Protein backbone atom coordinates (compact mmCIF):
# COMPACT_ATOMS: atom_id res chain seq x y z
CA MET A 1 176.25 56.98 -30.98
CA SER A 2 179.01 58.49 -28.75
CA THR A 3 179.89 57.44 -25.49
CA LEU A 4 180.50 59.50 -22.86
CA LEU A 5 184.53 59.84 -21.68
CA GLU A 6 185.46 59.71 -17.90
CA GLN A 7 187.00 62.58 -16.43
CA ASP A 8 190.42 61.04 -17.27
CA GLY A 9 189.40 61.00 -20.83
CA LEU A 10 188.05 64.38 -20.67
CA VAL A 11 191.24 65.72 -19.39
CA ALA A 12 193.45 63.97 -21.86
CA THR A 13 191.38 65.25 -24.81
CA TRP A 14 191.78 69.06 -23.20
CA ARG A 15 195.32 68.70 -22.54
CA ARG A 16 195.57 67.15 -26.54
CA ILE A 17 193.76 69.98 -27.75
CA TYR A 18 195.24 72.62 -25.44
CA PRO A 19 199.04 71.50 -24.94
CA ASN A 20 200.04 74.80 -23.36
CA ALA A 21 196.95 75.55 -21.46
CA ASP A 22 198.98 75.39 -18.45
CA ALA A 23 201.13 77.75 -19.11
CA GLY A 24 198.31 80.28 -20.12
CA SER A 25 197.50 79.77 -23.58
CA LEU A 26 193.84 78.64 -23.32
CA GLY A 27 191.69 78.47 -26.46
CA CYS A 28 188.01 79.51 -26.63
CA CYS A 29 186.13 76.43 -26.30
CA GLU A 30 184.41 73.88 -23.59
CA LEU A 31 184.48 70.26 -24.23
CA ASP A 32 181.17 68.41 -24.14
CA GLY A 33 180.94 65.07 -22.02
CA ARG A 34 181.89 63.08 -25.32
CA GLY A 35 184.90 65.33 -25.57
CA GLU A 36 183.66 67.19 -28.76
CA THR A 37 184.32 71.05 -28.68
CA VAL A 38 181.96 73.66 -27.82
CA PRO A 39 183.11 77.00 -29.28
CA LEU A 40 182.95 80.15 -26.91
CA PRO A 41 182.59 83.42 -28.29
CA GLN A 42 184.93 86.02 -28.00
CA PRO A 43 183.80 88.35 -25.51
CA SER A 44 183.32 91.99 -26.13
CA ALA A 45 185.35 94.57 -24.56
CA ARG A 46 182.18 95.46 -22.62
CA ARG A 47 181.71 92.29 -21.38
CA GLN A 48 185.67 91.67 -20.25
CA ILE A 49 185.24 94.98 -18.23
CA VAL A 50 182.50 93.52 -16.35
CA LEU A 51 184.34 90.21 -15.89
CA THR A 52 187.12 92.15 -14.52
CA ASP A 53 185.09 94.02 -12.31
CA VAL A 54 183.10 91.09 -10.82
CA TYR A 55 186.49 89.45 -10.08
CA CYS A 56 188.17 92.31 -8.98
CA GLN A 57 185.04 92.52 -6.37
CA ILE A 58 185.03 88.75 -5.14
CA ALA A 59 188.83 88.70 -4.84
CA GLU A 60 188.41 91.78 -2.60
CA GLN A 61 185.81 90.39 -0.32
CA MET A 62 186.96 86.35 -0.62
CA GLY A 63 190.71 86.83 -0.64
CA HIS A 64 192.63 86.78 -3.68
CA VAL A 65 192.13 82.88 -4.59
CA ALA A 66 189.64 83.92 -7.17
CA ALA A 67 190.73 83.49 -11.00
CA MET A 68 188.94 84.44 -14.23
CA SER A 69 188.05 81.88 -17.20
CA VAL A 70 189.79 78.53 -15.87
CA PRO A 71 188.37 75.45 -17.39
CA VAL A 72 186.69 73.06 -14.85
CA THR A 73 185.77 69.32 -15.17
CA THR A 74 181.85 68.96 -14.28
CA PRO A 75 180.26 65.46 -14.29
CA ALA A 76 176.92 66.85 -16.25
CA PHE A 77 178.97 68.22 -18.80
CA GLY A 78 182.10 67.88 -19.50
CA ILE A 79 184.75 70.79 -19.34
CA ARG A 80 182.85 74.33 -18.93
CA VAL A 81 184.94 77.71 -18.55
CA PRO A 82 183.41 79.95 -15.80
CA ASP A 83 183.93 83.49 -16.15
CA VAL A 84 184.92 83.68 -12.52
CA VAL A 85 185.79 80.79 -9.83
CA TRP A 86 186.50 81.00 -6.23
CA MET A 87 187.81 78.33 -3.77
CA PRO A 88 189.46 77.90 -0.53
CA PRO A 89 193.38 78.47 -0.71
CA GLU A 90 193.69 74.53 0.18
CA LYS A 91 191.95 73.55 -2.56
CA TRP A 92 194.33 75.48 -4.94
CA GLU A 93 197.37 73.52 -3.89
CA GLY A 94 198.42 71.85 -6.77
CA TYR A 95 196.71 73.27 -9.36
CA GLU A 96 197.77 76.66 -11.33
CA ARG A 97 195.09 79.22 -11.80
CA GLU A 98 195.58 78.99 -15.67
CA GLY A 99 195.44 75.41 -15.79
CA LEU A 100 192.41 72.74 -15.89
CA ILE A 101 190.99 71.99 -12.56
CA PRO A 102 189.77 68.47 -12.40
CA PHE A 103 186.68 69.62 -10.15
CA VAL A 104 184.47 72.47 -9.68
CA PRO A 105 185.34 75.17 -7.60
CA ASP A 106 182.73 76.24 -4.57
CA LEU A 107 182.16 79.56 -6.21
CA CYS A 108 181.30 79.81 -9.95
CA VAL A 109 180.31 83.13 -11.82
CA GLU A 110 178.60 83.66 -15.20
CA VAL A 111 178.34 87.08 -16.95
CA LEU A 112 175.22 87.11 -19.41
CA LEU A 113 176.22 90.26 -20.79
CA ASP A 114 175.98 89.95 -24.68
CA ARG A 115 175.83 86.45 -24.44
CA GLU A 116 173.12 84.63 -26.68
CA PHE A 117 172.92 81.94 -24.21
CA ALA A 118 171.17 83.94 -21.81
CA GLY A 119 167.72 82.00 -21.58
CA ASP A 120 169.50 78.62 -21.54
CA ILE A 121 171.17 79.28 -18.27
CA GLY A 122 170.03 76.18 -16.58
CA PRO A 123 172.47 73.70 -18.03
CA ARG A 124 175.50 75.64 -17.11
CA LEU A 125 173.90 76.07 -13.08
CA ARG A 126 173.32 72.11 -12.83
CA ALA A 127 176.78 71.34 -14.27
CA TYR A 128 178.20 73.39 -11.59
CA LEU A 129 176.20 72.77 -9.10
CA GLU A 130 176.29 68.57 -9.64
CA GLY A 131 179.95 69.10 -9.96
CA GLY A 132 180.04 70.65 -6.28
CA ALA A 133 179.92 74.18 -6.55
CA ARG A 134 178.15 75.93 -3.44
CA GLU A 135 177.19 78.69 -5.25
CA VAL A 136 176.73 80.16 -8.83
CA ILE A 137 176.14 83.77 -9.36
CA VAL A 138 174.70 84.61 -12.47
CA VAL A 139 175.08 88.76 -13.63
CA SER A 140 172.12 89.10 -15.89
CA GLN A 141 172.17 91.32 -18.93
CA ARG A 142 170.88 94.05 -17.06
CA GLY A 143 173.47 93.85 -14.20
CA GLU A 144 171.01 91.97 -11.56
CA LEU A 145 172.81 88.95 -9.60
CA GLU A 146 171.24 86.19 -9.43
CA PHE A 147 172.45 83.50 -6.50
CA HIS A 148 172.27 79.57 -6.87
CA GLY A 149 172.77 76.99 -4.45
CA ALA A 150 171.92 73.61 -4.35
CA ASP A 151 168.30 74.28 -3.24
CA GLY A 152 167.62 76.72 -6.16
CA ARG A 153 167.63 80.33 -6.20
CA GLN A 154 168.59 82.28 -2.96
CA GLN A 155 168.01 86.01 -1.88
CA SER A 156 171.72 86.81 -1.10
CA SER A 157 174.63 85.01 -1.22
CA ALA A 158 175.98 82.03 0.83
CA PHE A 159 179.42 83.69 0.85
CA GLY A 160 177.84 87.26 1.74
CA ILE A 161 179.05 88.42 -1.72
CA THR A 162 178.06 91.75 -2.96
CA CYS A 163 178.71 93.32 -6.23
CA SER A 164 178.25 96.98 -7.32
CA LEU A 165 178.25 97.06 -11.02
CA GLU A 166 178.90 100.20 -13.24
CA ARG A 167 175.32 100.44 -14.80
CA MET A 168 176.87 102.39 -17.83
CA TYR A 169 177.86 98.64 -19.06
CA PHE A 170 174.44 97.27 -19.18
CA GLU A 171 172.11 100.08 -20.53
CA GLU A 172 172.98 99.77 -23.94
CA PHE A 173 172.56 96.23 -24.30
CA VAL A 174 170.60 95.05 -27.10
CA PRO A 175 170.71 91.47 -27.79
CA SER A 176 171.52 90.49 -31.63
CA SER A 177 169.35 88.35 -33.92
CA THR A 178 171.99 85.56 -34.02
CA SER A 179 171.97 82.94 -31.76
CA THR A 180 174.67 81.00 -30.14
CA ARG A 181 173.65 78.30 -27.85
CA TYR A 182 176.09 75.57 -25.86
């Protein structure tokens, strides 16, 4: 039986695996609570376009203190890599946007377009919310926005965020028969 690592152990493992992560050289995995790697699939071009669009809209609405694909330390999972994160400027002090953040930012976004774990998003939501996120936005495979807070699903964003996403990136999505879960 493997033991769960404390936060310092997870961060040390992460830095050993990705010694240049603070310089923007980030691999494609997360670390579970035992420090074992969990691979992330390479995003499709279509998903990258949607991620960038969501990031730009959040940065415009909330201020340019958002970032894409930044690893964050969660108490319920280990190290996760949300698609987009946002937090107030004072929380960014001392942290590079490309480096590991030792806590969960106020807002995390997951874009499920062409991801196979769409039906298994619950553990990701819990990891972010239990780690201190005030809100998690999930962009469904159809381009619909779901807002989640500590009290469950919400009708609208607690931050007042709205996103207008281009339908052409969602209309043709057909999930493949292979399954990648994390």
